[in-house]
Amino acid sequence: AKDGPLKDATVNVASKNFTEQLLLCEVAAQRLESQGATVTRTCGMSGSSAVRAALTSGAIDMYWEYTGTGWLTHLQQKETITDPDTMYQKLSEADKAKNGVAWLPPAPANNTYAVAVKTETAKKLGVATLSDYAKLTKSDPASATFCGASEFFGRDDGWSGLKKTYGIDLPQDKVAELAEGPIYNAIGTGNPCNFGEVFATDGRIAALGLTVLEDDKKFFPPYNLSLNVRTATLEKSPEVQAVMEPVSKLLTTTELQKLNAEIDVDGKTPEEVASGWLTANKLN
């Protein structure tokens, strides 16, 4: 291990099992190692609930989570909060007090649900916001075709709530259910849909020339990224927060799109992309 402020720390860094999470697991692990920590990696655990259970039981010390997931899924709160700062305050206070989980100050990146369309199609149809899209579902349903994944169609913060909030009125035969991955290509080719549900930080948005429609009524809850650390771990190694702060600050939505694309589009490994990014930003 290197010498540094964390030279006495031994930590287990984990993640969920999708591109962005595997990348962030490596970013945290490599950054902590560069500051002297001894790191065990448990990257790629399956599902939010499994990683969360590992954290609260002390099997792991930290992983990156999204504020919306913490509030709605882990704390099972029913209150809808659309302001990112309010959500972070309430969530971090409650989770620390109840569960011994510290949410470090969040990154600017917001990996929320979004509705995307090919940029030229958006221009042609004159659609820039979700309110514009709702109008299109009534005036020209054949052009307003929509693709989503089963989870999106089943969630309150997904299709049903979106339709209610914006008054979207689309015949069922203009709606297609696809797996999460193929939705991006479907929108890119306009087949079987012009519009679809995406995750805002996905690298394929930029790579396929897609545009995210503005959520002008602020329907989707914020999903800002925060490193979740056991309070017991922070008490032992308080320097973790200062070491990770400069990393978080640089993780914007567009930065993550770019890094995710290096893995999903260019075929690099999460290890390579994390290392290159930390080096470019003088953080390792």
C-alpha atoms as a PDB file:
ATOM      1  CA  ALA A   1       0.000   0.000   0.000  1.00  0.00           C
ATOM      2  CA  LYS A   2       1.083   3.579  -0.614  1.00  0.00           C
ATOM      3  CA  ASP A   3       1.800   6.040   2.137  1.00  0.00           C
ATOM      4  CA  GLY A   4      -0.977   8.571   2.675  1.00  0.00           C
ATOM      5  CA  PRO A   5      -3.742   9.799   4.986  1.00  0.00           C
ATOM      6  CA  LEU A   6      -5.452   6.371   4.808  1.00  0.00           C
ATOM      7  CA  LYS A   7      -2.379   4.199   5.410  1.00  0.00           C
ATOM      8  CA  ASP A   8      -3.966   2.497   8.446  1.00  0.00           C
ATOM      9  CA  ALA A   9      -7.358   1.930   6.812  1.00  0.00           C
ATOM     10  CA  THR A  10      -8.644  -1.409   5.516  1.00  0.00           C
ATOM     11  CA  VAL A  11     -11.951  -1.119   3.657  1.00  0.00           C
ATOM     12  CA  ASN A  12     -14.291  -3.201   1.525  1.00  0.00           C
ATOM     13  CA  VAL A  13     -15.737  -1.279  -1.447  1.00  0.00           C
ATOM     14  CA  ALA A  14     -18.768  -2.760  -3.213  1.00  0.00           C
ATOM     15  CA  SER A  15     -21.226  -1.973  -6.008  1.00  0.00           C
ATOM     16  CA  LYS A  16     -24.297  -3.140  -7.871  1.00  0.00           C
ATOM     17  CA  ASN A  17     -23.923  -5.007 -11.126  1.00  0.00           C
ATOM     18  CA  PHE A  18     -24.227  -2.545 -14.020  1.00  0.00           C
ATOM     19  CA  THR A  19     -21.733  -0.475 -16.014  1.00  0.00           C
ATOM     20  CA  GLU A  20     -21.851   2.773 -14.036  1.00  0.00           C
ATOM     21  CA  GLN A  21     -21.652   0.949 -10.709  1.00  0.00           C
ATOM     22  CA  LEU A  22     -18.721  -1.239 -11.761  1.00  0.00           C
ATOM     23  CA  LEU A  23     -16.934   1.913 -12.920  1.00  0.00           C
ATOM     24  CA  LEU A  24     -17.635   3.814  -9.685  1.00  0.00           C
ATOM     25  CA  CYS A  25     -16.542   0.841  -7.579  1.00  0.00           C
ATOM     26  CA  GLU A  26     -13.149   0.971  -9.313  1.00  0.00           C
ATOM     27  CA  VAL A  27     -12.966   4.778  -9.063  1.00  0.00           C
ATOM     28  CA  ALA A  28     -13.465   4.611  -5.283  1.00  0.00           C
ATOM     29  CA  ALA A  29     -11.151   1.621  -4.794  1.00  0.00           C
ATOM     30  CA  GLN A  30      -8.294   3.116  -6.846  1.00  0.00           C
ATOM     31  CA  ARG A  31      -8.659   6.548  -5.250  1.00  0.00           C
ATOM     32  CA  LEU A  32      -8.597   5.083  -1.725  1.00  0.00           C
ATOM     33  CA  GLU A  33      -5.588   2.893  -2.595  1.00  0.00           C
ATOM     34  CA  SER A  34      -3.741   5.941  -3.926  1.00  0.00           C
ATOM     35  CA  GLN A  35      -4.163   7.511  -0.483  1.00  0.00           C
ATOM     36  CA  GLY A  36      -2.733   4.484   1.345  1.00  0.00           C
ATOM     37  CA  ALA A  37      -5.810   2.358   2.105  1.00  0.00           C
ATOM     38  CA  THR A  38      -5.856  -1.422   1.801  1.00  0.00           C
ATOM     39  CA  VAL A  39      -8.948  -2.151  -0.294  1.00  0.00           C
ATOM     40  CA  THR A  40     -10.985  -5.299  -0.852  1.00  0.00           C
ATOM     41  CA  ARG A  41     -13.314  -5.084  -3.856  1.00  0.00           C
ATOM     42  CA  THR A  42     -16.802  -6.594  -3.899  1.00  0.00           C
ATOM     43  CA  CYS A  43     -17.814  -4.923  -7.165  1.00  0.00           C
ATOM     44  CA  GLY A  44     -20.837  -6.261  -9.045  1.00  0.00           C
ATOM     45  CA  MET A  45     -23.175  -7.585  -6.355  1.00  0.00           C
ATOM     46  CA  SER A  46     -26.607  -8.329  -7.714  1.00  0.00           C
ATOM     47  CA  GLY A  47     -29.362  -5.825  -6.896  1.00  0.00           C
ATOM     48  CA  SER A  48     -29.763  -2.788  -4.634  1.00  0.00           C
ATOM     49  CA  SER A  49     -31.183  -4.747  -1.714  1.00  0.00           C
ATOM     50  CA  ALA A  50     -28.259  -7.196  -1.563  1.00  0.00           C
ATOM     51  CA  VAL A  51     -25.630  -4.437  -1.499  1.00  0.00           C
ATOM     52  CA  ARG A  52     -27.630  -2.449   1.022  1.00  0.00           C
ATOM     53  CA  ALA A  53     -27.963  -5.484   3.325  1.00  0.00           C
ATOM     54  CA  ALA A  54     -24.203  -6.080   3.082  1.00  0.00           C
ATOM     55  CA  LEU A  55     -23.605  -2.453   4.109  1.00  0.00           C
ATOM     56  CA  THR A  56     -25.956  -2.388   7.101  1.00  0.00           C
ATOM     57  CA  SER A  57     -24.660  -5.765   8.338  1.00  0.00           C
ATOM     58  CA  GLY A  58     -21.037  -4.588   8.097  1.00  0.00           C
ATOM     59  CA  ALA A  59     -19.982  -7.128   5.450  1.00  0.00           C
ATOM     60  CA  ILE A  60     -18.901  -4.165   3.277  1.00  0.00           C
ATOM     61  CA  ASP A  61     -17.896  -0.618   4.225  1.00  0.00           C
ATOM     62  CA  MET A  62     -19.153   1.487   1.341  1.00  0.00           C
ATOM     63  CA  TYR A  63     -20.833   1.643  -2.057  1.00  0.00           C
ATOM     64  CA  TRP A  64     -22.300   4.338  -4.311  1.00  0.00           C
ATOM     65  CA  GLU A  65     -26.060   4.755  -4.054  1.00  0.00           C
ATOM     66  CA  TYR A  66     -28.640   7.109  -5.580  1.00  0.00           C
ATOM     67  CA  THR A  67     -30.634   9.474  -3.347  1.00  0.00           C
ATOM     68  CA  GLY A  68     -33.998   8.522  -4.894  1.00  0.00           C
ATOM     69  CA  THR A  69     -33.303   4.835  -4.264  1.00  0.00           C
ATOM     70  CA  GLY A  70     -32.307   5.537  -0.664  1.00  0.00           C
ATOM     71  CA  TRP A  71     -35.446   7.544   0.033  1.00  0.00           C
ATOM     72  CA  LEU A  72     -38.027   5.453  -1.832  1.00  0.00           C
ATOM     73  CA  THR A  73     -36.590   1.928  -1.620  1.00  0.00           C
ATOM     74  CA  HIS A  74     -34.322   1.640   1.425  1.00  0.00           C
ATOM     75  CA  LEU A  75     -36.201   4.006   3.759  1.00  0.00           C
ATOM     76  CA  GLN A  76     -39.555   3.210   2.063  1.00  0.00           C
ATOM     77  CA  GLN A  77     -40.733   6.811   2.290  1.00  0.00           C
ATOM     78  CA  LYS A  78     -44.010   7.711   0.613  1.00  0.00           C
ATOM     79  CA  GLU A  79     -43.418  11.485   0.561  1.00  0.00           C
ATOM     80  CA  THR A  80     -42.540  12.763  -2.909  1.00  0.00           C
ATOM     81  CA  ILE A  81     -39.533  15.108  -2.890  1.00  0.00           C
ATOM     82  CA  THR A  82     -38.372  16.715  -6.118  1.00  0.00           C
ATOM     83  CA  ASP A  83     -35.796  19.136  -4.702  1.00  0.00           C
ATOM     84  CA  PRO A  84     -32.388  17.375  -4.647  1.00  0.00           C
ATOM     85  CA  ASP A  85     -31.045  19.259  -1.594  1.00  0.00           C
ATOM     86  CA  THR A  86     -34.162  18.650   0.499  1.00  0.00           C
ATOM     87  CA  MET A  87     -34.061  14.965  -0.347  1.00  0.00           C
ATOM     88  CA  TYR A  88     -30.384  14.703   0.564  1.00  0.00           C
ATOM     89  CA  GLN A  89     -30.869  16.486   3.935  1.00  0.00           C
ATOM     90  CA  LYS A  90     -33.850  14.375   4.983  1.00  0.00           C
ATOM     91  CA  LEU A  91     -32.399  11.127   3.703  1.00  0.00           C
ATOM     92  CA  SER A  92     -28.930  11.557   5.210  1.00  0.00           C
ATOM     93  CA  GLU A  93     -30.305  12.538   8.630  1.00  0.00           C
ATOM     94  CA  ALA A  94     -32.762   9.633   8.777  1.00  0.00           C
ATOM     95  CA  ASP A  95     -30.389   6.961   7.483  1.00  0.00           C
ATOM     96  CA  LYS A  96     -27.585   7.986   9.820  1.00  0.00           C
ATOM     97  CA  ALA A  97     -29.830   8.010  12.886  1.00  0.00           C
ATOM     98  CA  LYS A  98     -31.732   4.801  12.113  1.00  0.00           C
ATOM     99  CA  ASN A  99     -29.246   2.630  10.261  1.00  0.00           C
ATOM    100  CA  GLY A 100     -25.719   3.913  10.848  1.00  0.00           C
ATOM    101  CA  VAL A 101     -25.309   4.813   7.176  1.00  0.00           C
ATOM    102  CA  ALA A 102     -23.582   8.069   6.203  1.00  0.00           C
ATOM    103  CA  TRP A 103     -24.418   9.622   2.820  1.00  0.00           C
ATOM    104  CA  LEU A 104     -21.379  11.671   1.767  1.00  0.00           C
ATOM    105  CA  PRO A 105     -22.183  14.978  -0.012  1.00  0.00           C
ATOM    106  CA  PRO A 106     -23.677  13.977  -3.365  1.00  0.00           C
ATOM    107  CA  ALA A 107     -22.138  14.318  -6.800  1.00  0.00           C
ATOM    108  CA  PRO A 108     -23.870  16.643  -9.288  1.00  0.00           C
ATOM    109  CA  ALA A 109     -24.723  13.614 -11.468  1.00  0.00           C
ATOM    110  CA  ASN A 110     -28.412  12.721 -11.474  1.00  0.00           C
ATOM    111  CA  ASN A 111     -29.042   9.228 -12.842  1.00  0.00           C
ATOM    112  CA  THR A 112     -32.781   9.644 -12.914  1.00  0.00           C
ATOM    113  CA  TYR A 113     -35.296   8.131 -15.261  1.00  0.00           C
ATOM    114  CA  ALA A 114     -35.702  10.233 -18.386  1.00  0.00           C
ATOM    115  CA  VAL A 115     -37.513  10.109 -21.717  1.00  0.00           C
ATOM    116  CA  ALA A 116     -35.250  10.290 -24.765  1.00  0.00           C
ATOM    117  CA  VAL A 117     -35.734  10.681 -28.509  1.00  0.00           C
ATOM    118  CA  LYS A 118     -33.385  10.902 -31.476  1.00  0.00           C
ATOM    119  CA  THR A 119     -32.265  14.539 -31.716  1.00  0.00           C
ATOM    120  CA  GLU A 120     -33.387  15.007 -35.322  1.00  0.00           C
ATOM    121  CA  THR A 121     -36.790  13.410 -34.583  1.00  0.00           C
ATOM    122  CA  ALA A 122     -37.270  15.808 -31.658  1.00  0.00           C
ATOM    123  CA  LYS A 123     -36.529  18.773 -33.944  1.00  0.00           C
ATOM    124  CA  LYS A 124     -38.816  17.468 -36.686  1.00  0.00           C
ATOM    125  CA  LEU A 125     -41.715  16.904 -34.261  1.00  0.00           C
ATOM    126  CA  GLY A 126     -41.040  20.087 -32.259  1.00  0.00           C
ATOM    127  CA  VAL A 127     -40.731  18.251 -28.950  1.00  0.00           C
ATOM    128  CA  ALA A 128     -38.316  19.559 -26.283  1.00  0.00           C
ATOM    129  CA  THR A 129     -40.171  18.918 -23.010  1.00  0.00           C
ATOM    130  CA  LEU A 130     -42.381  16.210 -21.550  1.00  0.00           C
ATOM    131  CA  SER A 131     -45.325  18.634 -21.821  1.00  0.00           C
ATOM    132  CA  ASP A 132     -44.629  18.847 -25.579  1.00  0.00           C
ATOM    133  CA  TYR A 133     -44.573  15.055 -25.700  1.00  0.00           C
ATOM    134  CA  ALA A 134     -47.932  14.809 -23.893  1.00  0.00           C
ATOM    135  CA  LYS A 135     -49.468  17.105 -26.539  1.00  0.00           C
ATOM    136  CA  LEU A 136     -48.005  14.925 -29.288  1.00  0.00           C
ATOM    137  CA  THR A 137     -49.622  11.782 -27.807  1.00  0.00           C
ATOM    138  CA  LYS A 138     -52.993  13.412 -28.475  1.00  0.00           C
ATOM    139  CA  SER A 139     -52.305  15.172 -31.793  1.00  0.00           C
ATOM    140  CA  ASP A 140     -50.179  12.498 -33.488  1.00  0.00           C
ATOM    141  CA  PRO A 141     -50.079   9.206 -31.533  1.00  0.00           C
ATOM    142  CA  ALA A 142     -48.435   7.373 -34.453  1.00  0.00           C
ATOM    143  CA  SER A 143     -45.336   9.590 -33.996  1.00  0.00           C
ATOM    144  CA  ALA A 144     -45.477   9.416 -30.175  1.00  0.00           C
ATOM    145  CA  THR A 145     -44.695   5.671 -29.930  1.00  0.00           C
ATOM    146  CA  PHE A 146     -43.064   4.783 -26.601  1.00  0.00           C
ATOM    147  CA  CYS A 147     -40.743   1.998 -25.376  1.00  0.00           C
ATOM    148  CA  GLY A 148     -40.120   1.150 -21.740  1.00  0.00           C
ATOM    149  CA  ALA A 149     -38.820  -1.695 -19.597  1.00  0.00           C
ATOM    150  CA  SER A 150     -41.119  -3.790 -17.408  1.00  0.00           C
ATOM    151  CA  GLU A 151     -39.813  -2.167 -14.214  1.00  0.00           C
ATOM    152  CA  PHE A 152     -40.600   1.321 -15.537  1.00  0.00           C
ATOM    153  CA  PHE A 153     -44.148   0.266 -16.432  1.00  0.00           C
ATOM    154  CA  GLY A 154     -44.594  -1.203 -12.941  1.00  0.00           C
ATOM    155  CA  ARG A 155     -43.338   1.698 -10.802  1.00  0.00           C
ATOM    156  CA  ASP A 156     -45.222   4.688  -9.383  1.00  0.00           C
ATOM    157  CA  ASP A 157     -42.277   6.911 -10.304  1.00  0.00           C
ATOM    158  CA  GLY A 158     -42.473   5.393 -13.803  1.00  0.00           C
ATOM    159  CA  TRP A 159     -45.125   5.238 -16.523  1.00  0.00           C
ATOM    160  CA  SER A 160     -48.336   5.485 -14.463  1.00  0.00           C
ATOM    161  CA  GLY A 161     -47.223   8.578 -12.552  1.00  0.00           C
ATOM    162  CA  LEU A 162     -45.740  10.139 -15.685  1.00  0.00           C
ATOM    163  CA  LYS A 163     -49.044   9.737 -17.569  1.00  0.00           C
ATOM    164  CA  LYS A 164     -51.018  11.286 -14.687  1.00  0.00           C
ATOM    165  CA  THR A 165     -48.661  14.232 -14.170  1.00  0.00           C
ATOM    166  CA  TYR A 166     -48.441  15.224 -17.826  1.00  0.00           C
ATOM    167  CA  GLY A 167     -51.802  14.003 -19.132  1.00  0.00           C
ATOM    168  CA  ILE A 168     -50.150  11.589 -21.563  1.00  0.00           C
ATOM    169  CA  ASP A 169     -52.801   9.748 -23.526  1.00  0.00           C
ATOM    170  CA  LEU A 170     -51.293   7.038 -25.708  1.00  0.00           C
ATOM    171  CA  PRO A 171     -53.170   4.021 -27.120  1.00  0.00           C
ATOM    172  CA  GLN A 172     -51.778   0.717 -25.799  1.00  0.00           C
ATOM    173  CA  ASP A 173     -50.779  -0.405 -29.313  1.00  0.00           C
ATOM    174  CA  LYS A 174     -48.361   2.560 -29.475  1.00  0.00           C
ATOM    175  CA  VAL A 175     -46.525   1.347 -26.349  1.00  0.00           C
ATOM    176  CA  ALA A 176     -43.899  -1.429 -26.444  1.00  0.00           C
ATOM    177  CA  GLU A 177     -42.184  -3.244 -23.582  1.00  0.00           C
ATOM    178  CA  LEU A 178     -38.507  -4.021 -24.215  1.00  0.00           C
ATOM    179  CA  ALA A 179     -35.544  -5.021 -22.059  1.00  0.00           C
ATOM    180  CA  GLU A 180     -33.628  -2.008 -20.676  1.00  0.00           C
ATOM    181  CA  GLY A 181     -30.620  -2.328 -23.040  1.00  0.00           C
ATOM    182  CA  PRO A 182     -32.403  -2.565 -26.434  1.00  0.00           C
ATOM    183  CA  ILE A 183     -34.498   0.561 -25.747  1.00  0.00           C
ATOM    184  CA  TYR A 184     -31.572   2.835 -26.709  1.00  0.00           C
ATOM    185  CA  ASN A 185     -31.150   1.275 -30.157  1.00  0.00           C
ATOM    186  CA  ALA A 186     -34.920   1.199 -30.665  1.00  0.00           C
ATOM    187  CA  ILE A 187     -35.117   4.975 -30.124  1.00  0.00           C
ATOM    188  CA  GLY A 188     -31.992   5.470 -32.240  1.00  0.00           C
ATOM    189  CA  THR A 189     -33.629   3.717 -35.210  1.00  0.00           C
ATOM    190  CA  GLY A 190     -37.197   4.858 -34.463  1.00  0.00           C
ATOM    191  CA  ASN A 191     -38.286   1.222 -34.445  1.00  0.00           C
ATOM    192  CA  PRO A 192     -40.549   0.194 -32.736  1.00  0.00           C
ATOM    193  CA  CYS A 193     -40.656   3.582 -30.997  1.00  0.00           C
ATOM    194  CA  ASN A 194     -39.574   7.199 -31.359  1.00  0.00           C
ATOM    195  CA  PHE A 195     -39.537   7.843 -27.599  1.00  0.00           C
ATOM    196  CA  GLY A 196     -38.406   5.719 -24.685  1.00  0.00           C
ATOM    197  CA  GLU A 197     -37.372   5.468 -21.078  1.00  0.00           C
ATOM    198  CA  VAL A 198     -33.641   5.806 -20.409  1.00  0.00           C
ATOM    199  CA  PHE A 199     -31.286   6.461 -17.507  1.00  0.00           C
ATOM    200  CA  ALA A 200     -29.919   9.994 -17.691  1.00  0.00           C
ATOM    201  CA  THR A 201     -26.224   9.093 -17.294  1.00  0.00           C
ATOM    202  CA  ASP A 202     -26.169   6.256 -19.867  1.00  0.00           C
ATOM    203  CA  GLY A 203     -23.318   6.544 -22.362  1.00  0.00           C
ATOM    204  CA  ARG A 204     -25.518   5.513 -25.282  1.00  0.00           C
ATOM    205  CA  ILE A 205     -27.491   8.769 -25.105  1.00  0.00           C
ATOM    206  CA  ALA A 206     -24.596  10.753 -26.556  1.00  0.00           C
ATOM    207  CA  ALA A 207     -23.242   7.875 -28.656  1.00  0.00           C
ATOM    208  CA  LEU A 208     -26.548   7.336 -30.514  1.00  0.00           C
ATOM    209  CA  GLY A 209     -27.390  11.025 -30.931  1.00  0.00           C
ATOM    210  CA  LEU A 210     -30.335  11.047 -28.528  1.00  0.00           C
ATOM    211  CA  THR A 211     -31.809  14.005 -26.654  1.00  0.00           C
ATOM    212  CA  VAL A 212     -33.369  13.828 -23.196  1.00  0.00           C
ATOM    213  CA  LEU A 213     -36.695  15.672 -22.936  1.00  0.00           C
ATOM    214  CA  GLU A 214     -36.885  18.282 -20.198  1.00  0.00           C
ATOM    215  CA  ASP A 215     -38.946  17.116 -17.211  1.00  0.00           C
ATOM    216  CA  ASP A 216     -40.616  20.546 -17.028  1.00  0.00           C
ATOM    217  CA  LYS A 217     -43.055  19.548 -14.257  1.00  0.00           C
ATOM    218  CA  LYS A 218     -40.256  17.945 -12.179  1.00  0.00           C
ATOM    219  CA  PHE A 219     -41.973  14.551 -12.030  1.00  0.00           C
ATOM    220  CA  PHE A 220     -38.989  12.207 -11.727  1.00  0.00           C
ATOM    221  CA  PRO A 221     -37.396  12.144  -8.266  1.00  0.00           C
ATOM    222  CA  PRO A 222     -33.701  13.063  -8.046  1.00  0.00           C
ATOM    223  CA  TYR A 223     -31.228  10.168  -8.172  1.00  0.00           C
ATOM    224  CA  ASN A 224     -28.017  11.955  -7.205  1.00  0.00           C
ATOM    225  CA  LEU A 225     -24.965   9.825  -6.574  1.00  0.00           C
ATOM    226  CA  SER A 226     -23.567   9.605  -3.066  1.00  0.00           C
ATOM    227  CA  LEU A 227     -20.940   7.360  -1.565  1.00  0.00           C
ATOM    228  CA  ASN A 228     -22.669   5.493   1.291  1.00  0.00           C
ATOM    229  CA  VAL A 229     -20.271   4.659   4.123  1.00  0.00           C
ATOM    230  CA  ARG A 230     -20.966   2.869   7.404  1.00  0.00           C
ATOM    231  CA  THR A 231     -20.730   5.429  10.203  1.00  0.00           C
ATOM    232  CA  ALA A 232     -18.558   2.891  12.091  1.00  0.00           C
ATOM    233  CA  THR A 233     -16.098   2.937   9.171  1.00  0.00           C
ATOM    234  CA  LEU A 234     -16.046   6.756   9.107  1.00  0.00           C
ATOM    235  CA  GLU A 235     -15.391   6.871  12.850  1.00  0.00           C
ATOM    236  CA  LYS A 236     -12.338   4.641  12.341  1.00  0.00           C
ATOM    237  CA  SER A 237     -11.153   6.407   9.160  1.00  0.00           C
ATOM    238  CA  PRO A 238     -12.678   9.904   9.029  1.00  0.00           C
ATOM    239  CA  GLU A 239     -10.231  10.893   6.250  1.00  0.00           C
ATOM    240  CA  VAL A 240     -12.320   8.860   3.769  1.00  0.00           C
ATOM    241  CA  GLN A 241     -14.710  11.787   3.378  1.00  0.00           C
ATOM    242  CA  ALA A 242     -12.012  14.356   2.490  1.00  0.00           C
ATOM    243  CA  VAL A 243     -10.276  11.876   0.168  1.00  0.00           C
ATOM    244  CA  MET A 244     -13.480  11.148  -1.783  1.00  0.00           C
ATOM    245  CA  GLU A 245     -14.820  14.706  -1.914  1.00  0.00           C
ATOM    246  CA  PRO A 246     -12.823  15.879  -4.981  1.00  0.00           C
ATOM    247  CA  VAL A 247     -13.926  12.727  -6.825  1.00  0.00           C
ATOM    248  CA  SER A 248     -17.629  13.331  -6.163  1.00  0.00           C
ATOM    249  CA  LYS A 249     -17.429  16.973  -7.225  1.00  0.00           C
ATOM    250  CA  LEU A 250     -16.269  16.005 -10.734  1.00  0.00           C
ATOM    251  CA  LEU A 251     -18.955  13.393 -11.361  1.00  0.00           C
ATOM    252  CA  THR A 252     -21.538  15.280 -13.418  1.00  0.00           C
ATOM    253  CA  THR A 253     -24.264  13.688 -15.550  1.00  0.00           C
ATOM    254  CA  THR A 254     -22.362  14.419 -18.795  1.00  0.00           C
ATOM    255  CA  GLU A 255     -19.063  13.195 -17.330  1.00  0.00           C
ATOM    256  CA  LEU A 256     -20.688   9.884 -16.381  1.00  0.00           C
ATOM    257  CA  GLN A 257     -22.300   9.557 -19.825  1.00  0.00           C
ATOM    258  CA  LYS A 258     -18.821   9.913 -21.311  1.00  0.00           C
ATOM    259  CA  LEU A 259     -17.202   7.399 -18.935  1.00  0.00           C
ATOM    260  CA  ASN A 260     -20.051   4.883 -19.289  1.00  0.00           C
ATOM    261  CA  ALA A 261     -19.714   5.146 -23.084  1.00  0.00           C
ATOM    262  CA  GLU A 262     -16.005   4.272 -22.882  1.00  0.00           C
ATOM    263  CA  ILE A 263     -17.125   0.942 -21.399  1.00  0.00           C
ATOM    264  CA  ASP A 264     -20.442   0.257 -23.190  1.00  0.00           C
ATOM    265  CA  VAL A 265     -19.540   1.714 -26.584  1.00  0.00           C
ATOM    266  CA  ASP A 266     -15.720   1.544 -26.824  1.00  0.00           C
ATOM    267  CA  GLY A 267     -15.360  -1.767 -24.967  1.00  0.00           C
ATOM    268  CA  LYS A 268     -12.822  -0.679 -22.335  1.00  0.00           C
ATOM    269  CA  THR A 269     -12.840  -2.250 -18.857  1.00  0.00           C
ATOM    270  CA  PRO A 270     -14.098  -0.379 -15.778  1.00  0.00           C
ATOM    271  CA  GLU A 271     -10.553  -0.685 -14.315  1.00  0.00           C
ATOM    272  CA  GLU A 272      -8.988   1.044 -17.349  1.00  0.00           C
ATOM    273  CA  VAL A 273     -11.574   3.808 -17.514  1.00  0.00           C
ATOM    274  CA  ALA A 274     -11.376   4.512 -13.772  1.00  0.00           C
ATOM    275  CA  SER A 275      -7.591   4.612 -13.835  1.00  0.00           C
ATOM    276  CA  GLY A 276      -7.466   6.896 -16.891  1.00  0.00           C
ATOM    277  CA  TRP A 277     -10.011   9.282 -15.417  1.00  0.00           C
ATOM    278  CA  LEU A 278      -8.322   9.506 -12.006  1.00  0.00           C
ATOM    279  CA  THR A 279      -4.951  10.107 -13.693  1.00  0.00           C
ATOM    280  CA  ALA A 280      -6.370  12.795 -15.999  1.00  0.00           C
ATOM    281  CA  ASN A 281      -7.778  14.570 -12.934  1.00  0.00           C
ATOM    282  CA  LYS A 282      -4.590  14.062 -10.855  1.00  0.00           C
ATOM    283  CA  LEU A 283      -6.475  12.018  -8.270  1.00  0.00           C
ATOM    284  CA  ASN A 284      -4.385   8.834  -8.100  1.00  0.00           C
END
